[in-house]
Amino acid sequence: MDHLLAIKVFCRVVEAGTFSRAADLLAMPKSTVTKLVQELEAHLRLKLLHRTTRRVTVTMEGAAYYERTTKLLYELDDIESNISNEQSVPRGRLKVDMASAIANFILLPALPSFMQQYPDIQLELGVSDSNIDLLTDNIDCVIRGGELNDTSLIAERIAELTFVACAAPLICNNTACRKRQTAKQQTPYYLLSFA
């Protein structure tokens, strides 16, 4: 016997007033409803209901049992509802590491909106352009560009970014620069910033 189900069925019979109506409300065959209530009575060694061909009435013991079990069933439903709601709302600590360009140009501008939408998340951001050890540094998520070298990690493509090499007109007008470009040699200029 499913004890919890039998208690729920018993409570529904008391509320509905008949086995037939309770069976309809529970979307169960009437014979199953009757059997579950009989098994519950046998388990408790108590007569919970007086049955006639026309109606069902609750015994004194049945009324006391109904009163206490409905409170417990309500509490159980409340607990399950709260747990379901807690799981549907993201919460907790999330430690994320990313490259500086991604942090500056993509994540930081979106941060106020994220924090407003998910107030229960404690976000810890790390900005680094070098490879890090996720397990040692206890990092939940890393946002990086390029190929995944560690096959034990799970990667998901979230965006495709293009980088463009740019130079000031003065550098591009330099004849030495043009000669090197035609010779397909690299120019000896320093990278000051990238976007």
N, C-alpha and C. Protein backbone atom coordinates (compact mmCIF):
# COMPACT_ATOMS: atom_id res chain seq x y z
N MET A 1 0.84 -1.18 0.00
CA MET A 1 0.00 0.00 0.00
C MET A 1 0.89 1.25 0.00
N ASP A 2 0.57 2.20 -0.85
CA ASP A 2 1.21 3.50 -0.84
C ASP A 2 0.51 4.31 0.25
N HIS A 3 1.16 4.41 1.39
CA HIS A 3 0.55 5.00 2.57
C HIS A 3 0.12 6.46 2.33
N LEU A 4 1.00 7.25 1.73
CA LEU A 4 0.68 8.65 1.48
C LEU A 4 -0.50 8.79 0.52
N LEU A 5 -0.50 7.97 -0.52
CA LEU A 5 -1.61 8.01 -1.47
C LEU A 5 -2.92 7.61 -0.79
N ALA A 6 -2.86 6.61 0.07
CA ALA A 6 -4.07 6.17 0.78
C ALA A 6 -4.61 7.29 1.67
N ILE A 7 -3.72 8.03 2.33
CA ILE A 7 -4.16 9.15 3.17
C ILE A 7 -4.81 10.22 2.30
N LYS A 8 -4.19 10.54 1.17
CA LYS A 8 -4.75 11.57 0.27
C LYS A 8 -6.13 11.14 -0.24
N VAL A 9 -6.26 9.87 -0.58
CA VAL A 9 -7.54 9.35 -1.08
C VAL A 9 -8.60 9.41 0.02
N PHE A 10 -8.23 9.00 1.22
CA PHE A 10 -9.17 9.06 2.34
C PHE A 10 -9.67 10.50 2.55
N CYS A 11 -8.75 11.46 2.55
CA CYS A 11 -9.13 12.87 2.74
C CYS A 11 -10.06 13.34 1.63
N ARG A 12 -9.81 12.90 0.41
CA ARG A 12 -10.65 13.30 -0.71
C ARG A 12 -12.05 12.69 -0.58
N VAL A 13 -12.15 11.46 -0.08
CA VAL A 13 -13.46 10.82 0.13
C VAL A 13 -14.24 11.61 1.17
N VAL A 14 -13.57 12.00 2.25
CA VAL A 14 -14.24 12.77 3.30
C VAL A 14 -14.74 14.10 2.72
N GLU A 15 -13.91 14.78 1.94
CA GLU A 15 -14.27 16.08 1.36
C GLU A 15 -15.39 15.95 0.32
N ALA A 16 -15.33 14.87 -0.49
CA ALA A 16 -16.31 14.69 -1.57
C ALA A 16 -17.63 14.12 -1.06
N GLY A 17 -17.58 13.36 0.02
CA GLY A 17 -18.81 12.79 0.57
C GLY A 17 -19.19 11.44 0.02
N THR A 18 -18.63 11.04 -1.12
CA THR A 18 -18.89 9.71 -1.69
C THR A 18 -17.61 9.19 -2.34
N PHE A 19 -17.55 7.87 -2.45
CA PHE A 19 -16.40 7.24 -3.12
C PHE A 19 -16.40 7.58 -4.61
N SER A 20 -17.60 7.61 -5.21
CA SER A 20 -17.71 7.89 -6.65
C SER A 20 -17.20 9.29 -6.97
N ARG A 21 -17.65 10.28 -6.21
CA ARG A 21 -17.21 11.66 -6.46
C ARG A 21 -15.71 11.80 -6.22
N ALA A 22 -15.21 11.17 -5.17
CA ALA A 22 -13.77 11.22 -4.88
C ALA A 22 -12.98 10.58 -6.01
N ALA A 23 -13.47 9.47 -6.53
CA ALA A 23 -12.79 8.78 -7.65
C ALA A 23 -12.75 9.69 -8.87
N ASP A 24 -13.84 10.39 -9.15
CA ASP A 24 -13.86 11.32 -10.29
C ASP A 24 -12.86 12.44 -10.09
N LEU A 25 -12.83 13.02 -8.87
CA LEU A 25 -11.91 14.12 -8.59
C LEU A 25 -10.44 13.68 -8.68
N LEU A 26 -10.18 12.45 -8.29
CA LEU A 26 -8.81 11.93 -8.31
C LEU A 26 -8.44 11.29 -9.65
N ALA A 27 -9.41 11.17 -10.54
CA ALA A 27 -9.21 10.50 -11.84
C ALA A 27 -8.70 9.08 -11.63
N MET A 28 -9.39 8.37 -10.73
CA MET A 28 -9.05 6.97 -10.41
C MET A 28 -10.31 6.13 -10.50
N PRO A 29 -10.13 4.85 -10.73
CA PRO A 29 -11.31 3.97 -10.67
C PRO A 29 -11.86 3.93 -9.24
N LYS A 30 -13.18 3.82 -9.12
CA LYS A 30 -13.81 3.77 -7.80
C LYS A 30 -13.29 2.59 -6.98
N SER A 31 -13.02 1.49 -7.65
CA SER A 31 -12.53 0.29 -6.95
C SER A 31 -11.16 0.55 -6.30
N THR A 32 -10.31 1.35 -6.97
CA THR A 32 -8.99 1.67 -6.41
C THR A 32 -9.15 2.56 -5.19
N VAL A 33 -10.05 3.52 -5.26
CA VAL A 33 -10.30 4.42 -4.13
C VAL A 33 -10.80 3.61 -2.94
N THR A 34 -11.77 2.72 -3.18
CA THR A 34 -12.32 1.87 -2.12
C THR A 34 -11.23 1.00 -1.51
N LYS A 35 -10.41 0.39 -2.35
CA LYS A 35 -9.35 -0.51 -1.87
C LYS A 35 -8.33 0.24 -1.02
N LEU A 36 -7.93 1.44 -1.46
CA LEU A 36 -6.94 2.21 -0.70
C LEU A 36 -7.47 2.60 0.68
N VAL A 37 -8.74 3.00 0.75
CA VAL A 37 -9.32 3.36 2.05
C VAL A 37 -9.42 2.12 2.94
N GLN A 38 -9.81 1.00 2.38
CA GLN A 38 -9.88 -0.24 3.16
C GLN A 38 -8.50 -0.65 3.68
N GLU A 39 -7.48 -0.52 2.84
CA GLU A 39 -6.12 -0.87 3.27
C GLU A 39 -5.63 0.08 4.38
N LEU A 40 -6.00 1.35 4.27
CA LEU A 40 -5.63 2.32 5.31
C LEU A 40 -6.32 1.96 6.62
N GLU A 41 -7.58 1.63 6.56
CA GLU A 41 -8.31 1.23 7.78
C GLU A 41 -7.69 -0.03 8.38
N ALA A 42 -7.32 -0.98 7.55
CA ALA A 42 -6.70 -2.21 8.04
C ALA A 42 -5.34 -1.90 8.68
N HIS A 43 -4.59 -1.01 8.06
CA HIS A 43 -3.28 -0.64 8.59
C HIS A 43 -3.42 0.04 9.96
N LEU A 44 -4.41 0.91 10.09
CA LEU A 44 -4.62 1.65 11.34
C LEU A 44 -5.41 0.84 12.37
N ARG A 45 -6.05 -0.23 11.89
CA ARG A 45 -6.93 -1.04 12.73
C ARG A 45 -8.05 -0.18 13.33
N LEU A 46 -8.59 0.69 12.46
CA LEU A 46 -9.68 1.59 12.83
C LEU A 46 -10.70 1.67 11.72
N LYS A 47 -11.94 1.90 12.07
CA LYS A 47 -12.98 2.18 11.08
C LYS A 47 -13.02 3.70 10.94
N LEU A 48 -12.64 4.18 9.75
CA LEU A 48 -12.59 5.62 9.51
C LEU A 48 -13.89 6.16 8.94
N LEU A 49 -14.61 5.31 8.19
CA LEU A 49 -15.82 5.74 7.50
C LEU A 49 -16.96 4.77 7.74
N HIS A 50 -18.20 5.31 7.88
CA HIS A 50 -19.41 4.50 7.85
C HIS A 50 -19.92 4.57 6.42
N ARG A 51 -20.16 3.40 5.82
CA ARG A 51 -20.61 3.37 4.44
C ARG A 51 -22.05 2.86 4.37
N THR A 52 -22.84 3.55 3.58
CA THR A 52 -24.17 3.04 3.23
C THR A 52 -24.22 3.06 1.71
N THR A 53 -25.30 2.58 1.15
CA THR A 53 -25.40 2.57 -0.31
C THR A 53 -25.51 3.99 -0.87
N ARG A 54 -25.99 4.93 -0.06
CA ARG A 54 -26.21 6.28 -0.56
C ARG A 54 -25.13 7.28 -0.16
N ARG A 55 -24.51 7.07 0.99
CA ARG A 55 -23.54 8.07 1.42
C ARG A 55 -22.49 7.50 2.35
N VAL A 56 -21.46 8.34 2.58
CA VAL A 56 -20.36 7.98 3.46
C VAL A 56 -20.31 9.02 4.56
N THR A 57 -20.22 8.57 5.81
CA THR A 57 -20.04 9.49 6.93
C THR A 57 -18.76 9.13 7.66
N VAL A 58 -18.20 10.10 8.30
CA VAL A 58 -16.91 9.92 8.97
C VAL A 58 -17.16 9.50 10.42
N THR A 59 -16.41 8.50 10.88
CA THR A 59 -16.50 8.09 12.28
C THR A 59 -15.78 9.14 13.13
N MET A 60 -15.91 9.04 14.45
CA MET A 60 -15.22 9.96 15.34
C MET A 60 -13.71 9.85 15.15
N GLU A 61 -13.23 8.62 15.07
CA GLU A 61 -11.80 8.40 14.85
C GLU A 61 -11.37 8.92 13.47
N GLY A 62 -12.25 8.71 12.49
CA GLY A 62 -11.97 9.17 11.14
C GLY A 62 -11.88 10.69 11.07
N ALA A 63 -12.75 11.39 11.82
CA ALA A 63 -12.74 12.85 11.83
C ALA A 63 -11.43 13.36 12.45
N ALA A 64 -11.01 12.74 13.54
CA ALA A 64 -9.76 13.14 14.18
C ALA A 64 -8.57 12.87 13.25
N TYR A 65 -8.60 11.71 12.59
CA TYR A 65 -7.52 11.35 11.66
C TYR A 65 -7.50 12.32 10.47
N TYR A 66 -8.69 12.64 9.96
CA TYR A 66 -8.80 13.57 8.83
C TYR A 66 -8.23 14.94 9.22
N GLU A 67 -8.59 15.43 10.38
CA GLU A 67 -8.14 16.75 10.82
C GLU A 67 -6.61 16.81 10.89
N ARG A 68 -6.00 15.79 11.45
CA ARG A 68 -4.53 15.81 11.60
C ARG A 68 -3.82 15.56 10.27
N THR A 69 -4.36 14.66 9.45
CA THR A 69 -3.67 14.36 8.19
C THR A 69 -3.80 15.49 7.17
N THR A 70 -4.91 16.21 7.18
CA THR A 70 -5.04 17.33 6.24
C THR A 70 -4.00 18.41 6.55
N LYS A 71 -3.73 18.63 7.84
CA LYS A 71 -2.68 19.59 8.20
C LYS A 71 -1.32 19.12 7.68
N LEU A 72 -1.06 17.83 7.85
CA LEU A 72 0.22 17.28 7.37
C LEU A 72 0.32 17.34 5.85
N LEU A 73 -0.77 17.03 5.16
CA LEU A 73 -0.77 17.09 3.69
C LEU A 73 -0.57 18.52 3.20
N TYR A 74 -1.19 19.47 3.89
CA TYR A 74 -1.01 20.88 3.53
C TYR A 74 0.45 21.27 3.73
N GLU A 75 1.04 20.88 4.86
CA GLU A 75 2.46 21.17 5.13
C GLU A 75 3.36 20.56 4.07
N LEU A 76 3.07 19.31 3.69
CA LEU A 76 3.87 18.62 2.69
C LEU A 76 3.77 19.34 1.34
N ASP A 77 2.57 19.73 0.95
CA ASP A 77 2.40 20.49 -0.30
C ASP A 77 3.16 21.81 -0.26
N ASP A 78 3.11 22.47 0.90
CA ASP A 78 3.81 23.74 1.07
C ASP A 78 5.33 23.55 0.96
N ILE A 79 5.85 22.50 1.58
CA ILE A 79 7.28 22.20 1.51
C ILE A 79 7.70 21.95 0.07
N GLU A 80 6.94 21.11 -0.63
CA GLU A 80 7.27 20.79 -2.02
C GLU A 80 7.18 22.02 -2.91
N SER A 81 6.19 22.86 -2.67
CA SER A 81 6.04 24.09 -3.45
C SER A 81 7.22 25.03 -3.23
N ASN A 82 7.64 25.18 -1.97
CA ASN A 82 8.78 26.05 -1.66
C ASN A 82 10.06 25.54 -2.27
N ILE A 83 10.27 24.23 -2.21
CA ILE A 83 11.49 23.66 -2.78
C ILE A 83 11.49 23.84 -4.29
N SER A 84 10.36 23.63 -4.92
CA SER A 84 10.27 23.83 -6.37
C SER A 84 10.57 25.27 -6.74
N ASN A 85 10.01 26.21 -5.97
CA ASN A 85 10.27 27.63 -6.25
C ASN A 85 11.73 27.98 -6.03
N GLU A 86 12.35 27.42 -4.98
CA GLU A 86 13.76 27.71 -4.71
C GLU A 86 14.64 27.20 -5.83
N GLN A 87 14.30 26.06 -6.39
CA GLN A 87 15.12 25.52 -7.47
C GLN A 87 14.92 26.26 -8.77
N SER A 88 13.77 26.89 -8.94
CA SER A 88 13.53 27.60 -10.19
C SER A 88 14.16 28.99 -10.19
N VAL A 89 14.55 29.50 -9.02
CA VAL A 89 15.19 30.81 -8.92
C VAL A 89 16.68 30.60 -8.71
N PRO A 90 17.52 31.03 -9.67
CA PRO A 90 18.96 30.86 -9.49
C PRO A 90 19.46 31.64 -8.28
N ARG A 91 20.32 31.00 -7.50
CA ARG A 91 20.88 31.63 -6.32
C ARG A 91 22.23 31.02 -6.00
N GLY A 92 23.02 31.74 -5.24
CA GLY A 92 24.30 31.22 -4.79
C GLY A 92 25.47 31.97 -5.42
N ARG A 93 26.67 31.42 -5.19
CA ARG A 93 27.89 32.03 -5.68
C ARG A 93 28.21 31.51 -7.08
N LEU A 94 28.60 32.42 -7.97
CA LEU A 94 29.01 32.06 -9.32
C LEU A 94 30.34 32.77 -9.59
N LYS A 95 31.39 31.98 -9.76
CA LYS A 95 32.72 32.54 -9.98
C LYS A 95 33.07 32.38 -11.45
N VAL A 96 33.27 33.54 -12.12
CA VAL A 96 33.49 33.56 -13.57
C VAL A 96 34.82 34.27 -13.86
N ASP A 97 35.58 33.72 -14.78
CA ASP A 97 36.82 34.36 -15.21
C ASP A 97 36.73 34.57 -16.71
N MET A 98 37.27 35.70 -17.18
CA MET A 98 37.19 36.00 -18.61
C MET A 98 38.36 36.88 -19.03
N ALA A 99 38.54 36.95 -20.34
CA ALA A 99 39.58 37.81 -20.91
C ALA A 99 39.18 39.27 -20.71
N SER A 100 40.18 40.15 -20.65
CA SER A 100 39.91 41.56 -20.36
C SER A 100 39.05 42.22 -21.42
N ALA A 101 39.25 41.90 -22.69
CA ALA A 101 38.43 42.53 -23.74
C ALA A 101 36.96 42.13 -23.59
N ILE A 102 36.69 40.89 -23.26
CA ILE A 102 35.31 40.43 -23.07
C ILE A 102 34.71 41.12 -21.86
N ALA A 103 35.49 41.24 -20.79
CA ALA A 103 34.99 41.90 -19.58
C ALA A 103 34.66 43.36 -19.86
N ASN A 104 35.58 44.08 -20.49
CA ASN A 104 35.41 45.52 -20.71
C ASN A 104 34.29 45.85 -21.68
N PHE A 105 34.20 45.13 -22.76
CA PHE A 105 33.30 45.53 -23.83
C PHE A 105 31.97 44.78 -23.87
N ILE A 106 31.89 43.62 -23.24
CA ILE A 106 30.65 42.83 -23.31
C ILE A 106 30.02 42.64 -21.93
N LEU A 107 30.77 42.09 -20.98
CA LEU A 107 30.17 41.71 -19.71
C LEU A 107 29.87 42.90 -18.80
N LEU A 108 30.82 43.77 -18.58
CA LEU A 108 30.59 44.88 -17.65
C LEU A 108 29.41 45.77 -18.05
N PRO A 109 29.21 46.09 -19.33
CA PRO A 109 28.01 46.87 -19.68
C PRO A 109 26.69 46.12 -19.39
N ALA A 110 26.73 44.79 -19.43
CA ALA A 110 25.51 44.00 -19.20
C ALA A 110 25.31 43.65 -17.74
N LEU A 111 26.27 43.94 -16.89
CA LEU A 111 26.23 43.54 -15.49
C LEU A 111 25.06 44.12 -14.69
N PRO A 112 24.74 45.41 -14.79
CA PRO A 112 23.61 45.93 -14.01
C PRO A 112 22.29 45.22 -14.32
N SER A 113 22.05 44.94 -15.59
CA SER A 113 20.83 44.24 -15.98
C SER A 113 20.81 42.82 -15.40
N PHE A 114 21.95 42.13 -15.46
CA PHE A 114 22.05 40.77 -14.92
C PHE A 114 21.78 40.77 -13.42
N MET A 115 22.40 41.69 -12.70
CA MET A 115 22.24 41.74 -11.24
C MET A 115 20.80 42.09 -10.84
N GLN A 116 20.13 42.88 -11.66
CA GLN A 116 18.74 43.20 -11.38
C GLN A 116 17.84 41.98 -11.62
N GLN A 117 18.14 41.21 -12.66
CA GLN A 117 17.34 40.04 -12.99
C GLN A 117 17.60 38.88 -12.03
N TYR A 118 18.84 38.76 -11.52
CA TYR A 118 19.21 37.65 -10.63
C TYR A 118 19.83 38.19 -9.34
N PRO A 119 19.03 38.79 -8.47
CA PRO A 119 19.58 39.41 -7.26
C PRO A 119 20.16 38.42 -6.25
N ASP A 120 19.79 37.14 -6.34
CA ASP A 120 20.26 36.15 -5.37
C ASP A 120 21.57 35.49 -5.78
N ILE A 121 22.17 35.94 -6.86
CA ILE A 121 23.46 35.39 -7.29
C ILE A 121 24.57 36.32 -6.82
N GLN A 122 25.55 35.73 -6.12
CA GLN A 122 26.73 36.47 -5.71
C GLN A 122 27.79 36.21 -6.78
N LEU A 123 27.99 37.18 -7.64
CA LEU A 123 28.89 37.03 -8.78
C LEU A 123 30.30 37.47 -8.41
N GLU A 124 31.27 36.59 -8.64
CA GLU A 124 32.68 36.90 -8.44
C GLU A 124 33.35 36.86 -9.80
N LEU A 125 33.83 38.03 -10.24
CA LEU A 125 34.43 38.13 -11.57
C LEU A 125 35.94 38.18 -11.47
N GLY A 126 36.58 37.43 -12.34
CA GLY A 126 38.02 37.48 -12.48
C GLY A 126 38.35 37.87 -13.91
N VAL A 127 39.31 38.74 -14.08
CA VAL A 127 39.70 39.17 -15.42
C VAL A 127 41.16 38.82 -15.60
N SER A 128 41.42 37.95 -16.57
CA SER A 128 42.79 37.51 -16.81
C SER A 128 42.89 37.03 -18.25
N ASP A 129 44.02 37.35 -18.88
CA ASP A 129 44.22 36.94 -20.27
C ASP A 129 45.07 35.67 -20.38
N SER A 130 45.37 35.06 -19.24
CA SER A 130 46.17 33.83 -19.28
C SER A 130 45.29 32.64 -18.92
N ASN A 131 45.77 31.45 -19.26
CA ASN A 131 45.03 30.24 -18.92
C ASN A 131 45.10 30.01 -17.42
N ILE A 132 43.99 29.57 -16.85
CA ILE A 132 43.95 29.30 -15.42
C ILE A 132 43.47 27.88 -15.19
N ASP A 133 43.71 27.37 -14.01
CA ASP A 133 43.26 26.03 -13.64
C ASP A 133 41.92 26.18 -12.92
N LEU A 134 40.86 25.73 -13.56
CA LEU A 134 39.52 25.90 -13.01
C LEU A 134 39.34 25.22 -11.66
N LEU A 135 39.88 24.01 -11.51
CA LEU A 135 39.70 23.28 -10.26
C LEU A 135 40.50 23.90 -9.13
N THR A 136 41.75 24.24 -9.37
CA THR A 136 42.59 24.83 -8.33
C THR A 136 42.04 26.18 -7.89
N ASP A 137 41.62 26.99 -8.85
CA ASP A 137 41.12 28.33 -8.55
C ASP A 137 39.63 28.35 -8.22
N ASN A 138 38.99 27.18 -8.23
CA ASN A 138 37.57 27.05 -7.89
C ASN A 138 36.68 27.95 -8.75
N ILE A 139 36.89 27.90 -10.06
CA ILE A 139 36.15 28.72 -11.02
C ILE A 139 34.99 27.90 -11.59
N ASP A 140 33.81 28.50 -11.63
CA ASP A 140 32.63 27.81 -12.17
C ASP A 140 32.56 27.91 -13.69
N CYS A 141 32.97 29.05 -14.23
CA CYS A 141 32.80 29.30 -15.66
C CYS A 141 33.93 30.19 -16.15
N VAL A 142 34.45 29.88 -17.34
CA VAL A 142 35.49 30.69 -17.96
C VAL A 142 35.00 31.08 -19.35
N ILE A 143 35.16 32.35 -19.68
CA ILE A 143 34.79 32.82 -21.02
C ILE A 143 36.10 33.16 -21.73
N ARG A 144 36.40 32.39 -22.76
CA ARG A 144 37.65 32.56 -23.50
C ARG A 144 37.37 32.42 -24.99
N GLY A 145 38.30 32.91 -25.76
CA GLY A 145 38.22 32.74 -27.21
C GLY A 145 39.20 31.68 -27.66
N GLY A 146 38.94 31.07 -28.78
CA GLY A 146 39.87 30.10 -29.35
C GLY A 146 39.46 28.67 -29.12
N GLU A 147 40.40 27.78 -29.41
CA GLU A 147 40.16 26.34 -29.30
C GLU A 147 40.27 25.87 -27.85
N LEU A 148 39.53 24.83 -27.52
CA LEU A 148 39.58 24.24 -26.19
C LEU A 148 40.69 23.20 -26.15
N ASN A 149 41.68 23.43 -25.29
CA ASN A 149 42.82 22.50 -25.20
C ASN A 149 42.55 21.36 -24.24
N ASP A 150 41.84 21.60 -23.16
CA ASP A 150 41.56 20.59 -22.14
C ASP A 150 40.26 19.87 -22.49
N THR A 151 40.37 18.61 -22.91
CA THR A 151 39.18 17.87 -23.35
C THR A 151 38.31 17.40 -22.18
N SER A 152 38.78 17.56 -20.94
CA SER A 152 37.94 17.18 -19.80
C SER A 152 36.93 18.27 -19.46
N LEU A 153 37.05 19.43 -20.10
CA LEU A 153 36.11 20.53 -19.86
C LEU A 153 34.97 20.50 -20.87
N ILE A 154 33.90 21.13 -20.52
CA ILE A 154 32.75 21.24 -21.42
C ILE A 154 32.75 22.65 -21.99
N ALA A 155 32.72 22.76 -23.30
CA ALA A 155 32.74 24.07 -23.94
C ALA A 155 31.45 24.29 -24.71
N GLU A 156 31.03 25.53 -24.74
CA GLU A 156 29.83 25.91 -25.46
C GLU A 156 30.14 27.21 -26.20
N ARG A 157 29.89 27.25 -27.49
CA ARG A 157 30.10 28.48 -28.25
C ARG A 157 28.97 29.43 -27.91
N ILE A 158 29.34 30.63 -27.43
CA ILE A 158 28.32 31.61 -27.06
C ILE A 158 28.32 32.82 -27.98
N ALA A 159 29.40 33.01 -28.74
CA ALA A 159 29.45 34.15 -29.66
C ALA A 159 30.61 33.95 -30.62
N GLU A 160 30.55 34.69 -31.69
CA GLU A 160 31.66 34.71 -32.63
C GLU A 160 32.10 36.16 -32.77
N LEU A 161 33.34 36.42 -32.42
CA LEU A 161 33.87 37.78 -32.46
C LEU A 161 34.95 37.88 -33.53
N THR A 162 35.01 39.02 -34.17
CA THR A 162 36.07 39.27 -35.15
C THR A 162 36.95 40.39 -34.64
N PHE A 163 38.23 40.21 -34.79
CA PHE A 163 39.19 41.23 -34.40
C PHE A 163 39.75 41.87 -35.66
N VAL A 164 39.96 43.14 -35.60
CA VAL A 164 40.45 43.90 -36.75
C VAL A 164 41.75 44.59 -36.35
N ALA A 165 42.76 44.48 -37.20
CA ALA A 165 44.01 45.20 -36.96
C ALA A 165 43.85 46.61 -37.49
N CYS A 166 44.14 47.58 -36.66
CA CYS A 166 43.98 48.98 -37.04
C CYS A 166 45.29 49.73 -36.81
N ALA A 167 45.51 50.76 -37.61
CA ALA A 167 46.70 51.60 -37.43
C ALA A 167 46.34 53.03 -37.76
N ALA A 168 47.09 53.95 -37.19
CA ALA A 168 46.89 55.37 -37.47
C ALA A 168 47.30 55.66 -38.91
N PRO A 169 46.67 56.62 -39.57
CA PRO A 169 47.01 56.95 -40.95
C PRO A 169 48.50 57.27 -41.13
N LEU A 170 49.12 57.90 -40.15
CA LEU A 170 50.54 58.23 -40.23
C LEU A 170 51.38 56.98 -40.42
N ILE A 171 51.03 55.91 -39.72
CA ILE A 171 51.78 54.66 -39.84
C ILE A 171 51.52 54.03 -41.20
N CYS A 172 50.30 54.05 -41.67
CA CYS A 172 49.97 53.43 -42.95
C CYS A 172 50.55 54.22 -44.14
N ASN A 173 50.78 55.50 -43.97
CA ASN A 173 51.35 56.31 -45.05
C ASN A 173 52.87 56.20 -45.14
N ASN A 174 53.46 55.59 -44.17
CA ASN A 174 54.92 55.40 -44.14
C ASN A 174 55.32 54.51 -45.31
N THR A 175 56.27 54.94 -46.11
CA THR A 175 56.68 54.16 -47.29
C THR A 175 57.30 52.84 -46.91
N ALA A 176 58.01 52.81 -45.79
CA ALA A 176 58.60 51.54 -45.35
C ALA A 176 57.50 50.55 -45.00
N CYS A 177 56.43 51.05 -44.42
CA CYS A 177 55.28 50.20 -44.07
C CYS A 177 54.67 49.62 -45.33
N ARG A 178 54.50 50.47 -46.36
CA ARG A 178 53.89 49.98 -47.61
C ARG A 178 54.78 48.95 -48.28
N LYS A 179 56.09 49.16 -48.24
CA LYS A 179 57.02 48.20 -48.86
C LYS A 179 56.93 46.86 -48.15
N ARG A 180 56.86 46.90 -46.83
CA ARG A 180 56.78 45.63 -46.08
C ARG A 180 55.45 44.93 -46.34
N GLN A 181 54.37 45.69 -46.47
CA GLN A 181 53.08 45.08 -46.74
C GLN A 181 53.08 44.40 -48.09
N THR A 182 53.72 45.00 -49.07
CA THR A 182 53.76 44.36 -50.38
C THR A 182 54.66 43.14 -50.36
N ALA A 183 55.67 43.18 -49.54
CA ALA A 183 56.56 42.03 -49.42
C ALA A 183 55.98 40.98 -48.46
N LYS A 184 54.81 41.30 -47.88
CA LYS A 184 54.10 40.41 -46.94
C LYS A 184 54.96 40.08 -45.73
N GLN A 185 55.70 41.09 -45.28
CA GLN A 185 56.47 40.94 -44.05
C GLN A 185 55.71 41.61 -42.93
N GLN A 186 55.98 41.18 -41.72
CA GLN A 186 55.33 41.81 -40.58
C GLN A 186 55.98 43.14 -40.28
N THR A 187 55.18 44.10 -39.85
CA THR A 187 55.71 45.42 -39.51
C THR A 187 56.16 45.42 -38.05
N PRO A 188 57.21 46.18 -37.71
CA PRO A 188 57.75 46.18 -36.35
C PRO A 188 57.08 47.20 -35.44
N TYR A 189 55.74 47.30 -35.47
CA TYR A 189 55.05 48.27 -34.62
C TYR A 189 54.53 47.57 -33.38
N TYR A 190 54.39 48.34 -32.31
CA TYR A 190 53.92 47.80 -31.04
C TYR A 190 52.39 47.89 -30.95
N LEU A 191 51.83 46.87 -30.37
CA LEU A 191 50.38 46.86 -30.12
C LEU A 191 50.13 47.57 -28.81
N LEU A 192 49.40 48.67 -28.86
CA LEU A 192 49.12 49.45 -27.66
C LEU A 192 47.82 49.03 -27.00
N SER A 193 46.84 48.70 -27.79
CA SER A 193 45.54 48.31 -27.26
C SER A 193 44.82 47.50 -28.33
N PHE A 194 43.85 46.72 -27.93
CA PHE A 194 43.04 46.01 -28.91
C PHE A 194 41.59 46.09 -28.51
N ALA A 195 40.73 45.96 -29.52
CA ALA A 195 39.31 46.06 -29.25
C ALA A 195 38.57 44.99 -30.03
